[in-house]
Amino acid sequence: MGGKSMTLDGVTEYVRSGMTVGIGGWGSRRKPMAMVRELLRSDVEDLTLVTFGGPEVGLLCAAGKVRRVIYGFVSLDTIPLDPHFRAAREGGRVETTEYDEGMFVAALRAGANRLSFLPTRAGLESDVLLMNPELKTVASPYDDDVYVAVPAVRPDVSLLHLNRSDTLGNGQFLGPDPYFDDLFAMASGKTLLSVEKIVDTEDLTAAERSTSLLISRMFVNGVIEAPNGAHFTSCDPDYGRDEAFQRHYAQSAQDEESWQRFRETFLAGDEASYHEAVRAFHRATEKETA
């Protein structure tokens, strides 16, 4: 296809052990799961994740890939907490920095604007400051107000998933919410974008509003066409969340044997093998309920 097109196996050319990795989407919605699965198949480890977290955090923690998580929350939406992340946190296997959601956005905005911090009212008089004693407050130079000085986050690379893109990296979302993927792209040193479909540039706005062009090619280093690349999270309007499979994933956290069985069944092969295993799971589930 030319341009910035690449394949999934190129993800680990950008993501290396010890890096800080931003992951777009929101909870269990429009997560770059195909790229996350590529990391799971690799020997990359010791990662710091920056995210409004969902199952990508739990999977990477369960696989021993994560050293630290900087997050606003880690939720599967219909399942309030990701059980693999909860187990890793409670077991002391990962370091955590939990921000109020407004503080997290301020951190992204600071990174996007190449500032060392941004002041915000979010988090004032809350336990977030107690849990993160490294956070500082600053006095306004104009009045008596005091703000939280949220340090910038600057991921080495961010992974995003959208509905469509051209080969240059102009990314388009067609769902109800852009989340904060544009800030991740602007705050990061490099950005990889996976999409449901790569189209010609003129087709991006032929039938859609120009404001749906969320990500500028200026911030994108590589584009991957990955149909169903957000599975098992949602990617509206292309598909919703696979709730049955998400429950199956969550149940794999009950013990080590369940996790290893899940990993061997769904994550041991390539992306095509993953989707075939998911189809087999649904066939078996339908047969059980018939």
C-alpha atoms as a PDB file:
ATOM      1  CA  MET A   1       0.000   0.000   0.000  1.00  0.00           C
ATOM      2  CA  GLY A   2       2.926   2.345   0.431  1.00  0.00           C
ATOM      3  CA  GLY A   3       2.995   5.435   2.571  1.00  0.00           C
ATOM      4  CA  LYS A   4       3.292   4.531   6.258  1.00  0.00           C
ATOM      5  CA  SER A   5       1.607   1.143   5.938  1.00  0.00           C
ATOM      6  CA  MET A   6       3.148  -1.646   7.975  1.00  0.00           C
ATOM      7  CA  THR A   7       2.201  -5.049   9.368  1.00  0.00           C
ATOM      8  CA  LEU A   8       1.582  -6.165  12.927  1.00  0.00           C
ATOM      9  CA  ASP A   9       4.944  -7.854  13.224  1.00  0.00           C
ATOM     10  CA  GLY A  10       6.549  -4.425  12.883  1.00  0.00           C
ATOM     11  CA  VAL A  11       5.137  -3.234  16.230  1.00  0.00           C
ATOM     12  CA  THR A  12       8.109  -4.570  18.180  1.00  0.00           C
ATOM     13  CA  GLU A  13      10.459  -2.529  15.992  1.00  0.00           C
ATOM     14  CA  TYR A  14       8.978   0.499  17.770  1.00  0.00           C
ATOM     15  CA  VAL A  15       8.177  -0.921  21.213  1.00  0.00           C
ATOM     16  CA  ARG A  16      11.178  -2.200  23.143  1.00  0.00           C
ATOM     17  CA  SER A  17      11.731  -3.334  26.705  1.00  0.00           C
ATOM     18  CA  GLY A  18      11.814  -0.556  29.292  1.00  0.00           C
ATOM     19  CA  MET A  19       9.777   1.907  27.232  1.00  0.00           C
ATOM     20  CA  THR A  20       6.810   4.018  28.299  1.00  0.00           C
ATOM     21  CA  VAL A  21       3.841   3.068  26.113  1.00  0.00           C
ATOM     22  CA  GLY A  22       0.650   5.077  25.756  1.00  0.00           C
ATOM     23  CA  ILE A  23      -2.468   3.109  24.871  1.00  0.00           C
ATOM     24  CA  GLY A  24      -5.515   4.909  23.517  1.00  0.00           C
ATOM     25  CA  GLY A  25      -9.191   4.104  23.837  1.00  0.00           C
ATOM     26  CA  TRP A  26     -11.203   4.120  27.033  1.00  0.00           C
ATOM     27  CA  GLY A  27     -11.830   1.176  29.333  1.00  0.00           C
ATOM     28  CA  SER A  28     -13.029  -1.674  27.137  1.00  0.00           C
ATOM     29  CA  ARG A  29     -13.677   0.553  24.121  1.00  0.00           C
ATOM     30  CA  ARG A  30     -11.632   0.943  20.947  1.00  0.00           C
ATOM     31  CA  LYS A  31      -8.437  -0.507  22.352  1.00  0.00           C
ATOM     32  CA  PRO A  32      -5.545  -1.396  19.983  1.00  0.00           C
ATOM     33  CA  MET A  33      -5.837  -5.044  20.972  1.00  0.00           C
ATOM     34  CA  ALA A  34      -4.188  -6.511  17.864  1.00  0.00           C
ATOM     35  CA  MET A  35      -1.035  -4.527  18.638  1.00  0.00           C
ATOM     36  CA  VAL A  36      -1.286  -5.486  22.313  1.00  0.00           C
ATOM     37  CA  ARG A  37      -1.475  -9.144  21.313  1.00  0.00           C
ATOM     38  CA  GLU A  38       1.652  -8.642  19.227  1.00  0.00           C
ATOM     39  CA  LEU A  39       3.436  -7.416  22.358  1.00  0.00           C
ATOM     40  CA  LEU A  40       2.151 -10.452  24.251  1.00  0.00           C
ATOM     41  CA  ARG A  41       3.796 -12.719  21.663  1.00  0.00           C
ATOM     42  CA  SER A  42       7.118 -10.900  21.944  1.00  0.00           C
ATOM     43  CA  ASP A  43       9.904 -10.839  24.519  1.00  0.00           C
ATOM     44  CA  VAL A  44       9.255  -7.153  25.298  1.00  0.00           C
ATOM     45  CA  GLU A  45       8.987  -6.511  29.048  1.00  0.00           C
ATOM     46  CA  ASP A  46       9.524  -3.932  31.815  1.00  0.00           C
ATOM     47  CA  LEU A  47       6.983  -1.553  30.267  1.00  0.00           C
ATOM     48  CA  THR A  48       5.399   1.537  31.781  1.00  0.00           C
ATOM     49  CA  LEU A  49       1.811   1.869  30.531  1.00  0.00           C
ATOM     50  CA  VAL A  50      -0.004   5.214  30.278  1.00  0.00           C
ATOM     51  CA  THR A  51      -3.710   4.678  29.726  1.00  0.00           C
ATOM     52  CA  PHE A  52      -7.362   5.047  30.549  1.00  0.00           C
ATOM     53  CA  GLY A  53      -7.037   1.350  31.089  1.00  0.00           C
ATOM     54  CA  GLY A  54      -8.982  -1.693  30.004  1.00  0.00           C
ATOM     55  CA  PRO A  55      -8.102  -5.300  29.207  1.00  0.00           C
ATOM     56  CA  GLU A  56      -4.796  -4.361  27.619  1.00  0.00           C
ATOM     57  CA  VAL A  57      -3.491  -3.577  31.103  1.00  0.00           C
ATOM     58  CA  GLY A  58      -4.705  -6.847  32.575  1.00  0.00           C
ATOM     59  CA  LEU A  59      -3.327  -8.948  29.734  1.00  0.00           C
ATOM     60  CA  LEU A  60       0.089  -7.325  29.789  1.00  0.00           C
ATOM     61  CA  CYS A  61       0.270  -7.535  33.592  1.00  0.00           C
ATOM     62  CA  ALA A  62      -0.734 -11.204  33.592  1.00  0.00           C
ATOM     63  CA  ALA A  63       1.969 -11.912  31.016  1.00  0.00           C
ATOM     64  CA  GLY A  64       4.624 -10.235  33.165  1.00  0.00           C
ATOM     65  CA  LYS A  65       5.287  -7.420  30.690  1.00  0.00           C
ATOM     66  CA  VAL A  66       4.600  -4.443  32.969  1.00  0.00           C
ATOM     67  CA  ARG A  67       6.684  -2.636  35.577  1.00  0.00           C
ATOM     68  CA  ARG A  68       4.459   0.409  36.161  1.00  0.00           C
ATOM     69  CA  VAL A  69       1.005   1.683  35.199  1.00  0.00           C
ATOM     70  CA  ILE A  70       0.035   5.374  35.085  1.00  0.00           C
ATOM     71  CA  TYR A  71      -3.727   5.512  34.749  1.00  0.00           C
ATOM     72  CA  GLY A  72      -7.027   7.245  35.350  1.00  0.00           C
ATOM     73  CA  PHE A  73      -8.813   3.896  35.835  1.00  0.00           C
ATOM     74  CA  VAL A  74      -8.557   0.274  34.706  1.00  0.00           C
ATOM     75  CA  SER A  75     -12.031  -1.063  33.916  1.00  0.00           C
ATOM     76  CA  LEU A  76     -13.787  -3.482  31.600  1.00  0.00           C
ATOM     77  CA  ASP A  77     -16.910  -1.256  31.710  1.00  0.00           C
ATOM     78  CA  THR A  78     -19.468  -4.023  32.269  1.00  0.00           C
ATOM     79  CA  ILE A  79     -16.981  -5.589  34.698  1.00  0.00           C
ATOM     80  CA  PRO A  80     -15.925  -2.742  37.011  1.00  0.00           C
ATOM     81  CA  LEU A  81     -12.285  -3.767  37.593  1.00  0.00           C
ATOM     82  CA  ASP A  82      -9.962  -5.782  35.392  1.00  0.00           C
ATOM     83  CA  PRO A  83      -9.248  -8.826  37.586  1.00  0.00           C
ATOM     84  CA  HIS A  84      -5.752  -9.483  36.215  1.00  0.00           C
ATOM     85  CA  PHE A  85      -4.690  -5.907  36.954  1.00  0.00           C
ATOM     86  CA  ARG A  86      -6.267  -6.074  40.392  1.00  0.00           C
ATOM     87  CA  ALA A  87      -4.337  -9.261  41.177  1.00  0.00           C
ATOM     88  CA  ALA A  88      -1.064  -7.720  39.948  1.00  0.00           C
ATOM     89  CA  ARG A  89      -1.598  -4.574  42.006  1.00  0.00           C
ATOM     90  CA  GLU A  90      -2.686  -6.369  45.158  1.00  0.00           C
ATOM     91  CA  GLY A  91       0.225  -8.778  44.774  1.00  0.00           C
ATOM     92  CA  GLY A  92       2.737  -5.942  44.457  1.00  0.00           C
ATOM     93  CA  ARG A  93       3.870  -7.094  41.018  1.00  0.00           C
ATOM     94  CA  VAL A  94       3.432  -3.663  39.409  1.00  0.00           C
ATOM     95  CA  GLU A  95       4.036  -0.080  40.474  1.00  0.00           C
ATOM     96  CA  THR A  96       1.016   2.181  40.096  1.00  0.00           C
ATOM     97  CA  THR A  97       0.315   5.886  39.729  1.00  0.00           C
ATOM     98  CA  GLU A  98      -3.419   6.535  39.839  1.00  0.00           C
ATOM     99  CA  TYR A  99      -4.668   9.988  38.863  1.00  0.00           C
ATOM    100  CA  ASP A 100      -8.053  11.614  38.924  1.00  0.00           C
ATOM    101  CA  GLU A 101      -9.315  11.528  35.326  1.00  0.00           C
ATOM    102  CA  GLY A 102      -9.055  15.314  35.023  1.00  0.00           C
ATOM    103  CA  MET A 103      -5.463  15.145  36.263  1.00  0.00           C
ATOM    104  CA  PHE A 104      -4.679  12.422  33.737  1.00  0.00           C
ATOM    105  CA  VAL A 105      -5.978  14.587  30.883  1.00  0.00           C
ATOM    106  CA  ALA A 106      -3.897  17.506  32.181  1.00  0.00           C
ATOM    107  CA  ALA A 107      -0.821  15.260  32.121  1.00  0.00           C
ATOM    108  CA  LEU A 108      -1.526  14.360  28.495  1.00  0.00           C
ATOM    109  CA  ARG A 109      -2.145  17.991  27.552  1.00  0.00           C
ATOM    110  CA  ALA A 110       1.135  19.015  29.166  1.00  0.00           C
ATOM    111  CA  GLY A 111       2.969  16.338  27.202  1.00  0.00           C
ATOM    112  CA  ALA A 112       1.214  17.316  23.978  1.00  0.00           C
ATOM    113  CA  ASN A 113       2.245  20.955  24.479  1.00  0.00           C
ATOM    114  CA  ARG A 114       5.835  20.067  25.475  1.00  0.00           C
ATOM    115  CA  LEU A 115       5.364  21.528  28.934  1.00  0.00           C
ATOM    116  CA  SER A 116       6.804  20.032  32.098  1.00  0.00           C
ATOM    117  CA  PHE A 117       3.446  20.306  33.906  1.00  0.00           C
ATOM    118  CA  LEU A 118       0.009  21.892  33.794  1.00  0.00           C
ATOM    119  CA  PRO A 119      -1.953  23.383  36.693  1.00  0.00           C
ATOM    120  CA  THR A 120      -5.430  22.013  37.351  1.00  0.00           C
ATOM    121  CA  ARG A 121      -8.097  22.131  40.031  1.00  0.00           C
ATOM    122  CA  ALA A 122      -8.714  18.398  39.572  1.00  0.00           C
ATOM    123  CA  GLY A 123      -7.533  16.398  42.556  1.00  0.00           C
ATOM    124  CA  LEU A 124      -7.481  19.240  45.075  1.00  0.00           C
ATOM    125  CA  GLU A 125      -8.572  18.197  48.560  1.00  0.00           C
ATOM    126  CA  SER A 126      -8.649  14.557  47.460  1.00  0.00           C
ATOM    127  CA  ASP A 127      -6.792  11.418  48.491  1.00  0.00           C
ATOM    128  CA  VAL A 128      -5.065  11.410  45.105  1.00  0.00           C
ATOM    129  CA  LEU A 129      -2.537  13.845  46.568  1.00  0.00           C
ATOM    130  CA  LEU A 130      -2.063  11.625  49.599  1.00  0.00           C
ATOM    131  CA  MET A 131      -1.537   8.546  47.439  1.00  0.00           C
ATOM    132  CA  ASN A 132       0.903  10.399  45.176  1.00  0.00           C
ATOM    133  CA  PRO A 133       3.082  12.450  47.547  1.00  0.00           C
ATOM    134  CA  GLU A 134       5.412  13.376  44.686  1.00  0.00           C
ATOM    135  CA  LEU A 135       2.687  15.656  43.294  1.00  0.00           C
ATOM    136  CA  LYS A 136       3.151  19.320  44.076  1.00  0.00           C
ATOM    137  CA  THR A 137       0.842  22.318  44.231  1.00  0.00           C
ATOM    138  CA  VAL A 138       1.531  25.749  42.765  1.00  0.00           C
ATOM    139  CA  ALA A 139       0.207  29.194  43.624  1.00  0.00           C
ATOM    140  CA  SER A 140      -1.342  31.341  40.938  1.00  0.00           C
ATOM    141  CA  PRO A 141       0.776  34.402  40.107  1.00  0.00           C
ATOM    142  CA  TYR A 142      -2.428  36.416  39.602  1.00  0.00           C
ATOM    143  CA  ASP A 143      -4.579  35.665  42.664  1.00  0.00           C
ATOM    144  CA  ASP A 144      -4.726  33.472  45.755  1.00  0.00           C
ATOM    145  CA  ASP A 145      -5.736  30.273  43.968  1.00  0.00           C
ATOM    146  CA  VAL A 146      -3.718  27.084  44.387  1.00  0.00           C
ATOM    147  CA  TYR A 147      -3.567  24.323  41.776  1.00  0.00           C
ATOM    148  CA  VAL A 148      -2.249  20.812  41.459  1.00  0.00           C
ATOM    149  CA  ALA A 149       0.854  20.844  39.227  1.00  0.00           C
ATOM    150  CA  VAL A 150       0.381  17.656  37.211  1.00  0.00           C
ATOM    151  CA  PRO A 151       3.619  16.488  35.560  1.00  0.00           C
ATOM    152  CA  ALA A 152       3.551  15.809  31.845  1.00  0.00           C
ATOM    153  CA  VAL A 153       3.416  12.280  30.484  1.00  0.00           C
ATOM    154  CA  ARG A 154       5.513  11.727  27.364  1.00  0.00           C
ATOM    155  CA  PRO A 155       5.202   8.135  26.127  1.00  0.00           C
ATOM    156  CA  ASP A 156       8.020   6.846  23.964  1.00  0.00           C
ATOM    157  CA  VAL A 157       5.359   5.405  21.674  1.00  0.00           C
ATOM    158  CA  SER A 158       1.568   5.294  21.708  1.00  0.00           C
ATOM    159  CA  LEU A 159      -0.683   2.618  20.241  1.00  0.00           C
ATOM    160  CA  LEU A 160      -4.103   3.709  18.926  1.00  0.00           C
ATOM    161  CA  HIS A 161      -6.993   2.036  17.105  1.00  0.00           C
ATOM    162  CA  LEU A 162      -9.484   3.892  14.902  1.00  0.00           C
ATOM    163  CA  ASN A 163     -12.059   2.993  12.281  1.00  0.00           C
ATOM    164  CA  ARG A 164     -10.272   4.210   9.176  1.00  0.00           C
ATOM    165  CA  SER A 165      -7.111   5.874   7.914  1.00  0.00           C
ATOM    166  CA  ASP A 166      -5.285   6.568   4.704  1.00  0.00           C
ATOM    167  CA  THR A 167      -1.755   5.288   4.174  1.00  0.00           C
ATOM    168  CA  LEU A 168      -0.340   8.649   5.277  1.00  0.00           C
ATOM    169  CA  GLY A 169      -1.720   8.253   8.791  1.00  0.00           C
ATOM    170  CA  ASN A 170      -4.735  10.576   8.761  1.00  0.00           C
ATOM    171  CA  GLY A 171      -6.905   8.702  11.274  1.00  0.00           C
ATOM    172  CA  GLN A 172     -10.699   8.807  11.383  1.00  0.00           C
ATOM    173  CA  PHE A 173     -13.073   7.799  14.176  1.00  0.00           C
ATOM    174  CA  LEU A 174     -16.703   7.055  13.304  1.00  0.00           C
ATOM    175  CA  GLY A 175     -18.041   6.257  16.751  1.00  0.00           C
ATOM    176  CA  PRO A 176     -19.682   8.455  19.377  1.00  0.00           C
ATOM    177  CA  ASP A 177     -16.540   9.521  21.254  1.00  0.00           C
ATOM    178  CA  PRO A 178     -12.967  10.406  20.261  1.00  0.00           C
ATOM    179  CA  TYR A 179     -11.780   9.742  23.825  1.00  0.00           C
ATOM    180  CA  PHE A 180      -8.303  11.323  24.113  1.00  0.00           C
ATOM    181  CA  ASP A 181      -6.470   9.533  21.322  1.00  0.00           C
ATOM    182  CA  ASP A 182      -5.392  12.813  19.728  1.00  0.00           C
ATOM    183  CA  LEU A 183      -3.626  13.844  22.948  1.00  0.00           C
ATOM    184  CA  PHE A 184      -1.831  10.501  23.138  1.00  0.00           C
ATOM    185  CA  ALA A 185      -0.564  11.004  19.583  1.00  0.00           C
ATOM    186  CA  MET A 186       0.611  14.558  20.235  1.00  0.00           C
ATOM    187  CA  ALA A 187       2.242  13.721  23.578  1.00  0.00           C
ATOM    188  CA  SER A 188       4.224  10.741  22.269  1.00  0.00           C
ATOM    189  CA  GLY A 189       7.588  10.448  20.636  1.00  0.00           C
ATOM    190  CA  LYS A 190       6.124   8.031  18.067  1.00  0.00           C
ATOM    191  CA  THR A 191       2.613   6.766  17.304  1.00  0.00           C
ATOM    192  CA  LEU A 192       1.383   3.550  15.693  1.00  0.00           C
ATOM    193  CA  LEU A 193      -2.177   3.522  14.401  1.00  0.00           C
ATOM    194  CA  SER A 194      -4.172   0.384  13.663  1.00  0.00           C
ATOM    195  CA  VAL A 195      -7.467   0.725  11.813  1.00  0.00           C
ATOM    196  CA  GLU A 196     -10.346  -1.398  10.650  1.00  0.00           C
ATOM    197  CA  LYS A 197      -9.723  -0.307   7.071  1.00  0.00           C
ATOM    198  CA  ILE A 198      -7.194   1.718   5.108  1.00  0.00           C
ATOM    199  CA  VAL A 199      -8.910   3.844   2.440  1.00  0.00           C
ATOM    200  CA  ASP A 200      -7.929   6.462  -0.111  1.00  0.00           C
ATOM    201  CA  THR A 201      -7.469   9.943   1.340  1.00  0.00           C
ATOM    202  CA  GLU A 202     -10.409  11.403  -0.560  1.00  0.00           C
ATOM    203  CA  ASP A 203     -12.712   8.706   0.814  1.00  0.00           C
ATOM    204  CA  LEU A 204     -12.141   9.848   4.400  1.00  0.00           C
ATOM    205  CA  THR A 205     -14.413  12.862   3.983  1.00  0.00           C
ATOM    206  CA  ALA A 206     -16.512  11.760   1.002  1.00  0.00           C
ATOM    207  CA  ALA A 207     -19.378  10.683   3.245  1.00  0.00           C
ATOM    208  CA  GLU A 208     -18.219  11.688   6.741  1.00  0.00           C
ATOM    209  CA  ARG A 209     -17.781  14.985   8.570  1.00  0.00           C
ATOM    210  CA  SER A 210     -14.310  16.505   8.476  1.00  0.00           C
ATOM    211  CA  THR A 211     -14.283  16.698  12.275  1.00  0.00           C
ATOM    212  CA  SER A 212     -14.105  12.888  12.343  1.00  0.00           C
ATOM    213  CA  LEU A 213     -10.467  13.183  11.253  1.00  0.00           C
ATOM    214  CA  LEU A 214      -9.086  12.842  14.754  1.00  0.00           C
ATOM    215  CA  ILE A 215      -5.402  12.044  14.172  1.00  0.00           C
ATOM    216  CA  SER A 216      -3.136  14.075  11.912  1.00  0.00           C
ATOM    217  CA  ARG A 217      -0.572  12.259   9.780  1.00  0.00           C
ATOM    218  CA  MET A 218       2.018  14.599  11.343  1.00  0.00           C
ATOM    219  CA  PHE A 219       1.949  12.494  14.518  1.00  0.00           C
ATOM    220  CA  VAL A 220       1.758   9.004  13.005  1.00  0.00           C
ATOM    221  CA  ASN A 221       4.757   6.818  12.222  1.00  0.00           C
ATOM    222  CA  GLY A 222       3.007   3.672  11.053  1.00  0.00           C
ATOM    223  CA  VAL A 223      -0.453   2.496   9.956  1.00  0.00           C
ATOM    224  CA  ILE A 224      -1.685  -1.090  10.250  1.00  0.00           C
ATOM    225  CA  GLU A 225      -4.860  -2.413   8.654  1.00  0.00           C
ATOM    226  CA  ALA A 226      -6.243  -4.735  11.325  1.00  0.00           C
ATOM    227  CA  PRO A 227      -9.888  -5.778  10.852  1.00  0.00           C
ATOM    228  CA  ASN A 228     -11.431  -6.558  14.246  1.00  0.00           C
ATOM    229  CA  GLY A 229      -8.217  -5.164  15.687  1.00  0.00           C
ATOM    230  CA  ALA A 230      -9.988  -3.841  18.790  1.00  0.00           C
ATOM    231  CA  HIS A 231     -11.584  -7.201  19.679  1.00  0.00           C
ATOM    232  CA  PHE A 232     -12.769  -8.033  22.284  1.00  0.00           C
ATOM    233  CA  THR A 233     -13.355  -4.352  23.075  1.00  0.00           C
ATOM    234  CA  SER A 234     -15.841  -2.335  21.048  1.00  0.00           C
ATOM    235  CA  CYS A 235     -15.157  -0.309  17.928  1.00  0.00           C
ATOM    236  CA  ASP A 236     -18.427   1.469  17.196  1.00  0.00           C
ATOM    237  CA  PRO A 237     -20.073   1.548  14.731  1.00  0.00           C
ATOM    238  CA  ASP A 238     -18.161  -1.383  13.213  1.00  0.00           C
ATOM    239  CA  TYR A 239     -18.854  -3.767  16.111  1.00  0.00           C
ATOM    240  CA  GLY A 240     -19.718  -3.799  19.773  1.00  0.00           C
ATOM    241  CA  ARG A 241     -17.908  -5.349  22.685  1.00  0.00           C
ATOM    242  CA  ASP A 242     -17.751  -9.147  22.732  1.00  0.00           C
ATOM    243  CA  GLU A 243     -19.278  -9.500  26.179  1.00  0.00           C
ATOM    244  CA  ALA A 244     -19.230 -13.304  26.251  1.00  0.00           C
ATOM    245  CA  PHE A 245     -15.545 -13.424  25.424  1.00  0.00           C
ATOM    246  CA  GLN A 246     -14.757 -10.617  27.859  1.00  0.00           C
ATOM    247  CA  ARG A 247     -16.402 -12.626  30.646  1.00  0.00           C
ATOM    248  CA  HIS A 248     -14.309 -15.622  29.576  1.00  0.00           C
ATOM    249  CA  TYR A 249     -11.184 -13.461  29.764  1.00  0.00           C
ATOM    250  CA  ALA A 250     -12.128 -12.202  33.231  1.00  0.00           C
ATOM    251  CA  GLN A 251     -12.725 -15.756  34.464  1.00  0.00           C
ATOM    252  CA  SER A 252      -9.194 -16.666  33.405  1.00  0.00           C
ATOM    253  CA  ALA A 253      -7.930 -14.613  36.362  1.00  0.00           C
ATOM    254  CA  GLN A 254      -9.354 -17.027  38.940  1.00  0.00           C
ATOM    255  CA  ASP A 255      -6.146 -19.074  39.100  1.00  0.00           C
ATOM    256  CA  GLU A 256      -2.856 -19.648  37.288  1.00  0.00           C
ATOM    257  CA  GLU A 257      -4.129 -22.764  35.517  1.00  0.00           C
ATOM    258  CA  SER A 258      -7.068 -20.845  34.022  1.00  0.00           C
ATOM    259  CA  TRP A 259      -4.767 -18.066  32.826  1.00  0.00           C
ATOM    260  CA  GLN A 260      -2.306 -20.461  31.220  1.00  0.00           C
ATOM    261  CA  ARG A 261      -5.158 -22.273  29.483  1.00  0.00           C
ATOM    262  CA  PHE A 262      -6.512 -18.953  28.157  1.00  0.00           C
ATOM    263  CA  ARG A 263      -3.046 -17.895  27.026  1.00  0.00           C
ATOM    264  CA  GLU A 264      -2.325 -21.149  25.231  1.00  0.00           C
ATOM    265  CA  THR A 265      -5.732 -21.195  23.529  1.00  0.00           C
ATOM    266  CA  PHE A 266      -5.933 -17.590  22.372  1.00  0.00           C
ATOM    267  CA  LEU A 267      -2.503 -15.963  22.534  1.00  0.00           C
ATOM    268  CA  ALA A 268       0.046 -18.583  21.522  1.00  0.00           C
ATOM    269  CA  GLY A 269      -0.431 -18.193  17.770  1.00  0.00           C
ATOM    270  CA  ASP A 270      -0.613 -15.290  15.328  1.00  0.00           C
ATOM    271  CA  GLU A 271      -3.498 -12.847  14.893  1.00  0.00           C
ATOM    272  CA  ALA A 272      -5.356 -15.102  12.443  1.00  0.00           C
ATOM    273  CA  SER A 273      -5.103 -17.971  14.933  1.00  0.00           C
ATOM    274  CA  TYR A 274      -6.512 -15.739  17.660  1.00  0.00           C
ATOM    275  CA  HIS A 275      -9.619 -14.891  15.642  1.00  0.00           C
ATOM    276  CA  GLU A 276     -10.143 -18.532  14.678  1.00  0.00           C
ATOM    277  CA  ALA A 277      -9.893 -19.522  18.347  1.00  0.00           C
ATOM    278  CA  VAL A 278     -12.471 -16.852  19.225  1.00  0.00           C
ATOM    279  CA  ARG A 279     -14.835 -18.204  16.561  1.00  0.00           C
ATOM    280  CA  ALA A 280     -14.336 -21.712  17.953  1.00  0.00           C
ATOM    281  CA  PHE A 281     -15.112 -20.395  21.455  1.00  0.00           C
ATOM    282  CA  HIS A 282     -18.413 -18.926  20.244  1.00  0.00           C
ATOM    283  CA  ARG A 283     -19.348 -22.092  18.366  1.00  0.00           C
ATOM    284  CA  ALA A 284     -18.762 -24.127  21.505  1.00  0.00           C
ATOM    285  CA  THR A 285     -20.705 -21.656  23.641  1.00  0.00           C
ATOM    286  CA  GLU A 286     -23.658 -21.681  21.247  1.00  0.00           C
ATOM    287  CA  LYS A 287     -23.669 -25.485  21.263  1.00  0.00           C
ATOM    288  CA  GLU A 288     -23.723 -25.533  25.080  1.00  0.00           C
ATOM    289  CA  THR A 289     -26.690 -23.158  25.235  1.00  0.00           C
ATOM    290  CA  ALA A 290     -28.648 -24.729  22.367  1.00  0.00           C
END
